[in-house]
N, C-alpha and C. Protein backbone atom coordinates (compact mmCIF):
# COMPACT_ATOMS: atom_id res chain seq x y z
N MET A 1 0.84 -1.20 0.00
CA MET A 1 0.00 0.00 0.00
C MET A 1 0.88 1.25 0.00
N SER A 2 0.58 2.19 -0.89
CA SER A 2 1.37 3.41 -0.96
C SER A 2 0.99 4.36 0.17
N LEU A 3 1.83 5.36 0.36
CA LEU A 3 1.57 6.37 1.40
C LEU A 3 0.28 7.12 1.09
N HIS A 4 0.04 7.39 -0.19
CA HIS A 4 -1.18 8.09 -0.59
C HIS A 4 -2.42 7.26 -0.27
N GLU A 5 -2.39 5.98 -0.59
CA GLU A 5 -3.54 5.12 -0.32
C GLU A 5 -3.80 5.00 1.18
N LEU A 6 -2.73 4.88 1.97
CA LEU A 6 -2.88 4.81 3.42
C LEU A 6 -3.53 6.08 3.96
N SER A 7 -3.09 7.23 3.46
CA SER A 7 -3.63 8.51 3.93
C SER A 7 -5.10 8.65 3.55
N VAL A 8 -5.43 8.23 2.33
CA VAL A 8 -6.82 8.32 1.87
C VAL A 8 -7.73 7.43 2.72
N ARG A 9 -7.29 6.23 3.03
CA ARG A 9 -8.10 5.31 3.83
C ARG A 9 -8.28 5.84 5.26
N CYS A 10 -7.21 6.35 5.84
CA CYS A 10 -7.31 6.90 7.20
C CYS A 10 -8.23 8.12 7.22
N ALA A 11 -8.11 8.98 6.19
CA ALA A 11 -8.96 10.17 6.12
C ALA A 11 -10.43 9.78 5.94
N ALA A 12 -10.69 8.75 5.14
CA ALA A 12 -12.06 8.29 4.94
C ALA A 12 -12.66 7.79 6.25
N TYR A 13 -11.87 7.06 7.02
CA TYR A 13 -12.34 6.58 8.32
C TYR A 13 -12.63 7.75 9.26
N LEU A 14 -11.70 8.70 9.33
CA LEU A 14 -11.90 9.87 10.20
C LEU A 14 -13.11 10.68 9.76
N ALA A 15 -13.29 10.81 8.45
CA ALA A 15 -14.43 11.59 7.93
C ALA A 15 -15.75 10.95 8.34
N ARG A 16 -15.80 9.61 8.29
CA ARG A 16 -17.03 8.92 8.71
C ARG A 16 -17.29 9.12 10.20
N GLU A 17 -16.22 9.01 10.99
CA GLU A 17 -16.38 9.15 12.44
C GLU A 17 -16.78 10.58 12.84
N LEU A 18 -16.23 11.55 12.11
CA LEU A 18 -16.47 12.96 12.44
C LEU A 18 -17.61 13.56 11.64
N GLU A 19 -18.19 12.76 10.74
CA GLU A 19 -19.26 13.22 9.87
C GLU A 19 -18.83 14.44 9.05
N ALA A 20 -17.63 14.36 8.52
CA ALA A 20 -17.07 15.45 7.72
C ALA A 20 -17.50 15.32 6.27
N ASP A 21 -17.51 16.45 5.55
CA ASP A 21 -17.88 16.41 4.13
C ASP A 21 -16.67 16.01 3.28
N ARG A 22 -16.92 15.95 1.96
CA ARG A 22 -15.88 15.48 1.04
C ARG A 22 -14.68 16.41 1.01
N ILE A 23 -14.91 17.71 1.07
CA ILE A 23 -13.80 18.67 1.04
C ILE A 23 -12.92 18.49 2.25
N GLN A 24 -13.53 18.34 3.43
CA GLN A 24 -12.76 18.15 4.65
C GLN A 24 -12.00 16.82 4.62
N GLU A 25 -12.63 15.80 4.05
CA GLU A 25 -11.95 14.50 3.93
C GLU A 25 -10.72 14.61 3.04
N ASN A 26 -10.84 15.33 1.92
CA ASN A 26 -9.69 15.50 1.03
C ASN A 26 -8.57 16.27 1.72
N ARG A 27 -8.94 17.27 2.51
CA ARG A 27 -7.92 18.03 3.23
C ARG A 27 -7.23 17.17 4.28
N MET A 28 -8.01 16.33 4.97
CA MET A 28 -7.42 15.45 5.97
C MET A 28 -6.46 14.46 5.30
N ALA A 29 -6.85 13.94 4.15
CA ALA A 29 -6.00 12.99 3.42
C ALA A 29 -4.70 13.66 2.99
N PHE A 30 -4.82 14.88 2.47
CA PHE A 30 -3.63 15.61 2.03
C PHE A 30 -2.73 15.91 3.22
N GLY A 31 -3.33 16.39 4.32
CA GLY A 31 -2.54 16.73 5.50
C GLY A 31 -1.84 15.52 6.10
N LEU A 32 -2.55 14.38 6.14
CA LEU A 32 -1.96 13.16 6.69
C LEU A 32 -0.83 12.67 5.80
N GLU A 33 -1.04 12.71 4.49
CA GLU A 33 0.01 12.29 3.57
C GLU A 33 1.23 13.18 3.69
N LEU A 34 0.99 14.48 3.81
CA LEU A 34 2.09 15.42 3.96
C LEU A 34 2.85 15.16 5.26
N PHE A 35 2.11 14.94 6.36
CA PHE A 35 2.74 14.70 7.66
C PHE A 35 3.58 13.43 7.64
N LEU A 36 3.01 12.33 7.15
CA LEU A 36 3.74 11.07 7.11
C LEU A 36 4.95 11.16 6.19
N GLY A 37 4.76 11.82 5.05
CA GLY A 37 5.87 11.98 4.11
C GLY A 37 7.00 12.79 4.71
N GLU A 38 6.65 13.89 5.39
CA GLU A 38 7.67 14.72 6.00
C GLU A 38 8.36 13.99 7.15
N LEU A 39 7.62 13.15 7.87
CA LEU A 39 8.21 12.38 8.96
C LEU A 39 9.25 11.41 8.43
N ILE A 40 8.91 10.68 7.37
CA ILE A 40 9.86 9.75 6.76
C ILE A 40 11.07 10.50 6.23
N LYS A 41 10.80 11.62 5.56
CA LYS A 41 11.90 12.43 5.02
C LYS A 41 12.82 12.92 6.13
N LEU A 42 12.22 13.36 7.25
CA LEU A 42 13.00 13.87 8.36
C LEU A 42 13.90 12.79 8.95
N ILE A 43 13.37 11.59 9.09
CA ILE A 43 14.16 10.49 9.64
C ILE A 43 15.36 10.19 8.74
N LEU A 44 15.12 10.13 7.44
CA LEU A 44 16.21 9.84 6.50
C LEU A 44 17.22 10.98 6.46
N VAL A 45 16.74 12.21 6.51
CA VAL A 45 17.64 13.37 6.51
C VAL A 45 18.54 13.34 7.73
N ILE A 46 17.97 13.02 8.90
CA ILE A 46 18.76 12.96 10.13
C ILE A 46 19.84 11.89 10.02
N MET A 47 19.48 10.72 9.53
CA MET A 47 20.43 9.62 9.44
C MET A 47 21.59 9.95 8.50
N ILE A 48 21.26 10.49 7.31
CA ILE A 48 22.31 10.76 6.32
C ILE A 48 23.19 11.93 6.75
N SER A 49 22.56 13.02 7.24
CA SER A 49 23.34 14.19 7.65
C SER A 49 24.20 13.90 8.86
N LEU A 50 23.74 12.99 9.72
CA LEU A 50 24.55 12.58 10.87
C LEU A 50 25.82 11.89 10.40
N LEU A 51 25.69 11.04 9.40
CA LEU A 51 26.85 10.35 8.83
C LEU A 51 27.82 11.34 8.17
N LEU A 52 27.26 12.41 7.59
CA LEU A 52 28.10 13.40 6.89
C LEU A 52 28.66 14.46 7.83
N GLY A 53 28.21 14.47 9.08
CA GLY A 53 28.71 15.45 10.05
C GLY A 53 28.13 16.84 9.90
N ILE A 54 26.94 16.94 9.30
CA ILE A 54 26.31 18.26 9.12
C ILE A 54 24.87 18.24 9.65
N LEU A 55 24.63 17.46 10.69
CA LEU A 55 23.28 17.30 11.22
C LEU A 55 22.63 18.60 11.67
N PRO A 56 23.29 19.45 12.49
CA PRO A 56 22.60 20.68 12.96
C PRO A 56 22.13 21.57 11.82
N GLU A 57 22.99 21.75 10.82
CA GLU A 57 22.64 22.64 9.72
C GLU A 57 21.51 22.05 8.86
N VAL A 58 21.63 20.78 8.51
CA VAL A 58 20.62 20.16 7.65
C VAL A 58 19.27 20.07 8.36
N LEU A 59 19.29 19.71 9.63
CA LEU A 59 18.04 19.60 10.38
C LEU A 59 17.37 20.96 10.52
N THR A 60 18.16 21.99 10.73
CA THR A 60 17.60 23.34 10.87
C THR A 60 17.02 23.84 9.55
N VAL A 61 17.71 23.62 8.45
CA VAL A 61 17.16 23.98 7.13
C VAL A 61 15.84 23.26 6.89
N THR A 62 15.80 21.97 7.19
CA THR A 62 14.61 21.16 6.96
C THR A 62 13.43 21.65 7.78
N LEU A 63 13.66 21.90 9.07
CA LEU A 63 12.57 22.33 9.95
C LEU A 63 12.09 23.74 9.61
N ALA A 64 13.03 24.64 9.30
CA ALA A 64 12.65 26.01 8.95
C ALA A 64 11.79 26.03 7.68
N ALA A 65 12.22 25.28 6.67
CA ALA A 65 11.45 25.21 5.42
C ALA A 65 10.11 24.52 5.65
N GLY A 66 10.11 23.44 6.41
CA GLY A 66 8.89 22.67 6.63
C GLY A 66 7.83 23.44 7.39
N PHE A 67 8.24 24.19 8.41
CA PHE A 67 7.28 24.96 9.20
C PHE A 67 6.65 26.06 8.36
N LEU A 68 7.46 26.75 7.55
CA LEU A 68 6.93 27.79 6.68
C LEU A 68 6.03 27.19 5.61
N ARG A 69 6.33 25.99 5.16
CA ARG A 69 5.53 25.33 4.12
C ARG A 69 4.11 25.05 4.58
N LEU A 70 3.91 24.84 5.88
CA LEU A 70 2.57 24.58 6.40
C LEU A 70 1.63 25.74 6.07
N ALA A 71 2.16 26.96 6.04
CA ALA A 71 1.33 28.13 5.75
C ALA A 71 1.42 28.56 4.30
N SER A 72 2.60 28.47 3.71
CA SER A 72 2.80 29.04 2.38
C SER A 72 2.50 28.06 1.25
N GLY A 73 2.43 26.77 1.55
CA GLY A 73 2.18 25.80 0.49
C GLY A 73 3.35 25.72 -0.47
N GLY A 74 3.06 25.52 -1.74
CA GLY A 74 4.13 25.44 -2.73
C GLY A 74 4.08 24.15 -3.52
N GLU A 75 4.77 24.15 -4.63
CA GLU A 75 4.75 23.01 -5.54
C GLU A 75 5.60 21.87 -5.00
N HIS A 76 5.26 20.65 -5.42
CA HIS A 76 6.08 19.48 -5.12
C HIS A 76 5.93 18.48 -6.26
N CYS A 77 6.73 17.43 -6.22
CA CYS A 77 6.75 16.46 -7.31
C CYS A 77 5.44 15.67 -7.35
N THR A 78 5.20 15.01 -8.49
CA THR A 78 3.93 14.33 -8.70
C THR A 78 3.88 12.95 -8.07
N ALA A 79 4.99 12.44 -7.58
CA ALA A 79 5.01 11.14 -6.90
C ALA A 79 5.81 11.27 -5.61
N TYR A 80 5.41 10.49 -4.61
CA TYR A 80 6.04 10.62 -3.30
C TYR A 80 7.53 10.33 -3.35
N TYR A 81 7.93 9.26 -4.07
CA TYR A 81 9.35 8.90 -4.05
C TYR A 81 10.20 9.99 -4.71
N ARG A 82 9.61 10.70 -5.70
CA ARG A 82 10.35 11.79 -6.32
C ARG A 82 10.49 12.97 -5.37
N CYS A 83 9.44 13.24 -4.61
CA CYS A 83 9.52 14.28 -3.58
C CYS A 83 10.55 13.92 -2.53
N LEU A 84 10.57 12.64 -2.16
CA LEU A 84 11.51 12.18 -1.14
C LEU A 84 12.95 12.34 -1.60
N ILE A 85 13.24 11.87 -2.81
CA ILE A 85 14.61 11.97 -3.35
C ILE A 85 15.01 13.42 -3.54
N GLY A 86 14.12 14.20 -4.16
CA GLY A 86 14.43 15.60 -4.41
C GLY A 86 14.58 16.39 -3.13
N GLY A 87 13.68 16.15 -2.15
CA GLY A 87 13.73 16.89 -0.89
C GLY A 87 14.98 16.57 -0.09
N ILE A 88 15.31 15.30 0.04
CA ILE A 88 16.49 14.91 0.80
C ILE A 88 17.76 15.48 0.17
N THR A 89 17.86 15.36 -1.16
CA THR A 89 19.03 15.90 -1.86
C THR A 89 19.15 17.41 -1.66
N CYS A 90 18.02 18.10 -1.79
CA CYS A 90 18.00 19.55 -1.63
C CYS A 90 18.46 19.96 -0.24
N PHE A 91 17.90 19.35 0.80
CA PHE A 91 18.23 19.76 2.16
C PHE A 91 19.66 19.39 2.54
N LEU A 92 20.16 18.28 2.03
CA LEU A 92 21.55 17.92 2.31
C LEU A 92 22.51 18.93 1.66
N VAL A 93 22.21 19.30 0.41
CA VAL A 93 23.06 20.28 -0.29
C VAL A 93 23.02 21.63 0.42
N LEU A 94 21.81 22.09 0.75
CA LEU A 94 21.68 23.40 1.40
C LEU A 94 22.31 23.41 2.79
N GLY A 95 22.13 22.31 3.53
CA GLY A 95 22.77 22.21 4.84
C GLY A 95 24.28 22.21 4.72
N GLY A 96 24.80 21.52 3.70
CA GLY A 96 26.24 21.52 3.46
C GLY A 96 26.76 22.90 3.11
N ILE A 97 26.00 23.64 2.31
CA ILE A 97 26.39 25.02 1.96
C ILE A 97 26.45 25.88 3.22
N ALA A 98 25.43 25.77 4.08
CA ALA A 98 25.42 26.54 5.32
C ALA A 98 26.60 26.18 6.21
N HIS A 99 26.94 24.91 6.26
CA HIS A 99 28.05 24.42 7.09
C HIS A 99 29.37 25.03 6.65
N PHE A 100 29.58 25.09 5.35
CA PHE A 100 30.87 25.57 4.84
C PHE A 100 30.93 27.10 4.72
N LEU A 101 29.78 27.76 4.60
CA LEU A 101 29.78 29.22 4.51
C LEU A 101 29.93 29.91 5.86
N TYR A 102 29.41 29.28 6.91
CA TYR A 102 29.37 29.92 8.22
C TYR A 102 30.73 30.46 8.69
N PRO A 103 31.80 29.67 8.60
CA PRO A 103 33.10 30.20 9.08
C PRO A 103 33.59 31.41 8.29
N LEU A 104 33.05 31.63 7.11
CA LEU A 104 33.52 32.73 6.26
C LEU A 104 32.80 34.05 6.55
N LEU A 105 31.75 34.01 7.36
CA LEU A 105 30.94 35.20 7.60
C LEU A 105 31.16 35.75 9.00
N ASP A 106 31.46 37.06 9.09
CA ASP A 106 31.49 37.69 10.41
C ASP A 106 30.08 38.13 10.77
N ARG A 107 29.90 38.71 11.97
CA ARG A 107 28.55 39.04 12.44
C ARG A 107 27.89 40.06 11.53
N LEU A 108 28.64 41.06 11.06
CA LEU A 108 28.07 42.09 10.19
C LEU A 108 27.58 41.48 8.88
N SER A 109 28.39 40.60 8.30
CA SER A 109 28.00 39.95 7.06
C SER A 109 26.76 39.08 7.26
N LEU A 110 26.70 38.41 8.42
CA LEU A 110 25.55 37.57 8.73
C LEU A 110 24.29 38.40 8.88
N LEU A 111 24.41 39.54 9.57
CA LEU A 111 23.26 40.43 9.74
C LEU A 111 22.78 40.98 8.40
N LEU A 112 23.74 41.33 7.54
CA LEU A 112 23.39 41.83 6.20
C LEU A 112 22.66 40.76 5.40
N ALA A 113 23.14 39.52 5.49
CA ALA A 113 22.49 38.41 4.79
C ALA A 113 21.07 38.18 5.33
N VAL A 114 20.92 38.25 6.66
CA VAL A 114 19.60 38.06 7.26
C VAL A 114 18.64 39.15 6.82
N GLY A 115 19.09 40.40 6.85
CA GLY A 115 18.23 41.51 6.46
C GLY A 115 17.81 41.43 5.00
N THR A 116 18.78 41.18 4.13
CA THR A 116 18.50 41.10 2.70
C THR A 116 17.62 39.90 2.37
N GLY A 117 17.98 38.74 2.91
CA GLY A 117 17.22 37.53 2.64
C GLY A 117 15.80 37.60 3.17
N SER A 118 15.62 38.18 4.35
CA SER A 118 14.28 38.30 4.94
C SER A 118 13.41 39.24 4.13
N LEU A 119 14.00 40.33 3.62
CA LEU A 119 13.25 41.26 2.79
C LEU A 119 12.81 40.60 1.49
N ILE A 120 13.72 39.88 0.86
CA ILE A 120 13.39 39.17 -0.38
C ILE A 120 12.27 38.16 -0.13
N SER A 121 12.40 37.41 0.97
CA SER A 121 11.40 36.40 1.30
C SER A 121 10.03 37.04 1.55
N ALA A 122 10.00 38.14 2.29
CA ALA A 122 8.73 38.81 2.60
C ALA A 122 8.05 39.32 1.33
N VAL A 123 8.83 39.92 0.44
CA VAL A 123 8.26 40.44 -0.81
C VAL A 123 7.67 39.31 -1.65
N LEU A 124 8.43 38.22 -1.80
CA LEU A 124 7.97 37.11 -2.63
C LEU A 124 6.77 36.39 -2.00
N LEU A 125 6.76 36.26 -0.68
CA LEU A 125 5.61 35.64 -0.02
C LEU A 125 4.37 36.51 -0.18
N TYR A 126 4.55 37.81 -0.09
CA TYR A 126 3.42 38.73 -0.26
C TYR A 126 2.87 38.63 -1.69
N MET A 127 3.76 38.45 -2.66
CA MET A 127 3.34 38.40 -4.06
C MET A 127 2.72 37.05 -4.44
N TYR A 128 3.28 35.93 -3.90
CA TYR A 128 2.92 34.63 -4.45
C TYR A 128 2.31 33.65 -3.46
N ALA A 129 2.50 33.84 -2.17
CA ALA A 129 1.94 32.89 -1.20
C ALA A 129 0.45 33.13 -1.02
N PRO A 130 -0.33 32.09 -0.74
CA PRO A 130 0.10 30.69 -0.68
C PRO A 130 0.10 30.04 -2.05
N GLY A 131 0.99 29.08 -2.23
CA GLY A 131 1.05 28.35 -3.49
C GLY A 131 0.20 27.10 -3.39
N ASP A 132 -0.82 26.99 -4.23
CA ASP A 132 -1.68 25.80 -4.15
C ASP A 132 -1.29 24.79 -5.21
N THR A 133 -1.83 23.59 -5.06
CA THR A 133 -1.61 22.50 -6.01
C THR A 133 -2.94 21.81 -6.27
N ALA A 134 -2.92 20.83 -7.16
CA ALA A 134 -4.15 20.09 -7.45
C ALA A 134 -4.66 19.36 -6.21
N ASN A 135 -3.73 18.91 -5.36
CA ASN A 135 -4.10 18.19 -4.14
C ASN A 135 -4.52 19.11 -3.01
N LYS A 136 -4.11 20.37 -3.10
CA LYS A 136 -4.43 21.31 -2.03
C LYS A 136 -4.82 22.65 -2.65
N PRO A 137 -5.98 22.73 -3.26
CA PRO A 137 -6.41 23.99 -3.89
C PRO A 137 -6.81 25.03 -2.84
N ILE A 138 -6.63 26.29 -3.20
CA ILE A 138 -7.11 27.39 -2.36
C ILE A 138 -8.51 27.73 -2.82
N ASN A 139 -9.50 27.52 -1.97
CA ASN A 139 -10.90 27.57 -2.41
C ASN A 139 -11.55 28.95 -2.32
N SER A 140 -10.94 29.91 -1.63
CA SER A 140 -11.58 31.21 -1.48
C SER A 140 -10.52 32.29 -1.26
N ASP A 141 -10.90 33.53 -1.53
CA ASP A 141 -10.00 34.66 -1.29
C ASP A 141 -9.70 34.81 0.19
N GLU A 142 -10.69 34.50 1.02
CA GLU A 142 -10.49 34.60 2.47
C GLU A 142 -9.43 33.60 2.94
N GLU A 143 -9.50 32.40 2.41
CA GLU A 143 -8.52 31.38 2.77
C GLU A 143 -7.13 31.78 2.28
N LYS A 144 -7.06 32.30 1.07
CA LYS A 144 -5.78 32.74 0.53
C LYS A 144 -5.18 33.85 1.39
N ALA A 145 -6.01 34.81 1.80
CA ALA A 145 -5.52 35.92 2.62
C ALA A 145 -5.03 35.41 3.98
N ARG A 146 -5.73 34.42 4.53
CA ARG A 146 -5.34 33.89 5.84
C ARG A 146 -3.98 33.20 5.78
N PHE A 147 -3.79 32.35 4.76
CA PHE A 147 -2.50 31.67 4.62
C PHE A 147 -1.37 32.65 4.30
N LYS A 148 -1.68 33.70 3.56
CA LYS A 148 -0.66 34.71 3.27
C LYS A 148 -0.23 35.40 4.56
N ARG A 149 -1.20 35.75 5.42
CA ARG A 149 -0.86 36.39 6.70
C ARG A 149 -0.01 35.46 7.56
N TRP A 150 -0.37 34.20 7.59
CA TRP A 150 0.42 33.25 8.37
C TRP A 150 1.84 33.13 7.82
N SER A 151 1.96 33.09 6.51
CA SER A 151 3.28 32.99 5.88
C SER A 151 4.16 34.18 6.25
N LEU A 152 3.59 35.38 6.15
CA LEU A 152 4.35 36.58 6.47
C LEU A 152 4.67 36.66 7.95
N THR A 153 3.74 36.18 8.78
CA THR A 153 3.98 36.17 10.23
C THR A 153 5.14 35.25 10.58
N ILE A 154 5.16 34.06 9.98
CA ILE A 154 6.25 33.12 10.24
C ILE A 154 7.58 33.69 9.76
N ALA A 155 7.58 34.31 8.58
CA ALA A 155 8.81 34.93 8.08
C ALA A 155 9.28 36.03 9.03
N GLY A 156 8.33 36.80 9.57
CA GLY A 156 8.69 37.85 10.52
C GLY A 156 9.27 37.27 11.81
N LEU A 157 8.69 36.18 12.29
CA LEU A 157 9.21 35.51 13.49
C LEU A 157 10.61 34.96 13.23
N TYR A 158 10.82 34.43 12.04
CA TYR A 158 12.16 33.94 11.68
C TYR A 158 13.17 35.09 11.73
N PHE A 159 12.77 36.24 11.21
CA PHE A 159 13.68 37.40 11.19
C PHE A 159 14.08 37.79 12.62
N VAL A 160 13.09 37.91 13.50
CA VAL A 160 13.38 38.27 14.89
C VAL A 160 14.26 37.21 15.55
N LEU A 161 13.94 35.94 15.30
CA LEU A 161 14.72 34.85 15.88
C LEU A 161 16.16 34.88 15.39
N MET A 162 16.36 35.09 14.10
CA MET A 162 17.72 35.11 13.55
C MET A 162 18.52 36.28 14.10
N ILE A 163 17.91 37.46 14.18
CA ILE A 163 18.62 38.62 14.72
C ILE A 163 19.02 38.36 16.17
N THR A 164 18.12 37.77 16.94
CA THR A 164 18.42 37.45 18.33
C THR A 164 19.55 36.43 18.44
N MET A 165 19.50 35.43 17.59
CA MET A 165 20.48 34.35 17.67
C MET A 165 21.88 34.79 17.26
N THR A 166 22.00 35.86 16.48
CA THR A 166 23.34 36.33 16.10
C THR A 166 24.10 36.89 17.29
N THR A 167 23.38 37.22 18.38
CA THR A 167 24.04 37.78 19.57
C THR A 167 24.49 36.69 20.53
N MET A 168 24.13 35.43 20.25
CA MET A 168 24.47 34.34 21.17
C MET A 168 25.34 33.33 20.43
N LEU A 169 26.56 33.17 20.86
CA LEU A 169 27.52 32.33 20.16
C LEU A 169 27.06 30.89 19.96
N PRO A 170 26.46 30.24 20.96
CA PRO A 170 26.07 28.83 20.75
C PRO A 170 25.02 28.65 19.65
N THR A 171 24.16 29.65 19.43
CA THR A 171 23.09 29.51 18.45
C THR A 171 23.40 30.22 17.14
N LYS A 172 24.47 30.97 17.11
CA LYS A 172 24.80 31.76 15.92
C LYS A 172 24.99 30.88 14.69
N ILE A 173 25.48 29.66 14.90
CA ILE A 173 25.75 28.76 13.79
C ILE A 173 24.47 28.34 13.05
N LEU A 174 23.31 28.49 13.72
CA LEU A 174 22.05 28.05 13.12
C LEU A 174 21.32 29.17 12.37
N VAL A 175 21.85 30.39 12.42
CA VAL A 175 21.19 31.52 11.77
C VAL A 175 21.15 31.32 10.26
N LEU A 176 22.28 30.99 9.68
CA LEU A 176 22.34 30.82 8.22
C LEU A 176 21.45 29.66 7.74
N PRO A 177 21.42 28.51 8.43
CA PRO A 177 20.49 27.46 8.01
C PRO A 177 19.02 27.88 8.06
N ILE A 178 18.63 28.66 9.08
CA ILE A 178 17.25 29.15 9.14
C ILE A 178 16.95 30.03 7.93
N LEU A 179 17.88 30.93 7.63
CA LEU A 179 17.70 31.83 6.49
C LEU A 179 17.60 31.05 5.19
N ILE A 180 18.48 30.07 5.01
CA ILE A 180 18.47 29.27 3.78
C ILE A 180 17.18 28.46 3.68
N GLY A 181 16.73 27.89 4.80
CA GLY A 181 15.47 27.14 4.79
C GLY A 181 14.29 28.03 4.43
N MET A 182 14.26 29.24 4.97
CA MET A 182 13.18 30.18 4.66
C MET A 182 13.19 30.55 3.18
N LEU A 183 14.36 30.83 2.64
CA LEU A 183 14.46 31.21 1.23
C LEU A 183 14.13 30.04 0.30
N GLU A 184 14.54 28.83 0.70
CA GLU A 184 14.22 27.65 -0.12
C GLU A 184 12.73 27.45 -0.23
N GLN A 185 12.03 27.56 0.89
CA GLN A 185 10.59 27.38 0.87
C GLN A 185 9.89 28.51 0.14
N THR A 186 10.37 29.73 0.32
CA THR A 186 9.80 30.87 -0.41
C THR A 186 9.92 30.66 -1.92
N PHE A 187 11.05 30.13 -2.34
CA PHE A 187 11.28 29.88 -3.77
C PHE A 187 10.23 28.94 -4.35
N THR A 188 9.77 27.96 -3.56
CA THR A 188 8.84 26.96 -4.09
C THR A 188 7.46 27.52 -4.38
N VAL A 189 7.12 28.70 -3.87
CA VAL A 189 5.80 29.28 -4.15
C VAL A 189 5.84 30.25 -5.33
N THR A 190 7.02 30.53 -5.85
CA THR A 190 7.14 31.46 -6.97
C THR A 190 6.98 30.72 -8.30
N PRO A 191 6.69 31.44 -9.37
CA PRO A 191 6.60 30.79 -10.69
C PRO A 191 7.90 30.09 -11.07
N TRP A 192 9.05 30.67 -10.70
CA TRP A 192 10.34 30.03 -11.01
C TRP A 192 10.49 28.74 -10.22
N GLY A 193 10.00 28.73 -8.99
CA GLY A 193 10.06 27.52 -8.18
C GLY A 193 9.20 26.41 -8.75
N TYR A 194 8.01 26.77 -9.23
CA TYR A 194 7.13 25.77 -9.85
C TYR A 194 7.80 25.16 -11.08
N ARG A 195 8.39 26.03 -11.92
CA ARG A 195 9.03 25.52 -13.13
C ARG A 195 10.23 24.63 -12.79
N PHE A 196 11.01 25.05 -11.78
CA PHE A 196 12.19 24.27 -11.39
C PHE A 196 11.78 22.89 -10.87
N ILE A 197 10.75 22.83 -10.03
CA ILE A 197 10.32 21.55 -9.47
C ILE A 197 9.72 20.66 -10.56
N HIS A 198 9.04 21.26 -11.52
CA HIS A 198 8.53 20.47 -12.65
C HIS A 198 9.69 19.83 -13.42
N ARG A 199 10.79 20.57 -13.59
CA ARG A 199 11.96 20.01 -14.28
C ARG A 199 12.58 18.88 -13.46
N VAL A 200 12.67 19.09 -12.15
CA VAL A 200 13.20 18.03 -11.28
C VAL A 200 12.31 16.80 -11.36
N ASP A 201 11.01 17.01 -11.35
CA ASP A 201 10.05 15.91 -11.42
C ASP A 201 10.24 15.11 -12.71
N ARG A 202 10.39 15.80 -13.82
CA ARG A 202 10.60 15.12 -15.10
C ARG A 202 11.95 14.39 -15.11
N PHE A 203 12.96 15.02 -14.53
CA PHE A 203 14.30 14.40 -14.48
C PHE A 203 14.28 13.09 -13.70
N LEU A 204 13.43 13.04 -12.66
CA LEU A 204 13.33 11.85 -11.82
C LEU A 204 12.33 10.83 -12.33
N GLY A 205 11.79 11.08 -13.53
CA GLY A 205 10.91 10.09 -14.15
C GLY A 205 9.46 10.48 -14.27
N GLY A 206 9.13 11.73 -13.93
CA GLY A 206 7.75 12.19 -14.05
C GLY A 206 7.37 12.44 -15.49
N GLU A 207 6.08 12.57 -15.72
CA GLU A 207 5.59 12.80 -17.07
C GLU A 207 5.90 14.23 -17.50
N PRO A 208 6.21 14.46 -18.79
CA PRO A 208 6.49 15.81 -19.30
C PRO A 208 5.30 16.73 -19.16
């Protein structure tokens, strides 16, 4: 049984128990599939990044992007295994970049990166979030406005958190991964992000 089939069956059971309508059942199925998929991805990311010695950076990128994705949505591959392969590869590469860039940045450079990156993220989220898909359509302007507010709020909280963390040496190393995770997720809701993920999907065996 695939992850999608398992999620659909569980959602159907919950919908019957809760007397939910078809729209709510579809949302529950999508949410459950997303949760289980992200859980599996997180476990694999932890195992591989631990072996590579970049666990803090990779885990932080993954969590920062994942939390923002709950509000902002965004495109993903058409099959779970393609999402899994693409997501793990992406987060390992980005975590590795954060790991090797951190020693090269002083506090001023880090603050400049945080300010610039947060501004870019806020502008793009305001323009394009939330990003819907066939599995998770945005059904009303009110719903779209709500998810947009949540997306911008999370980005704002990330900005405050990153600025605060630059003043504390033990947590300073995680500032760049948070910024990279935020920017990665923001990219997925833009038209360029959709096109890029479609190319990745086709490269991994998806239909043209």
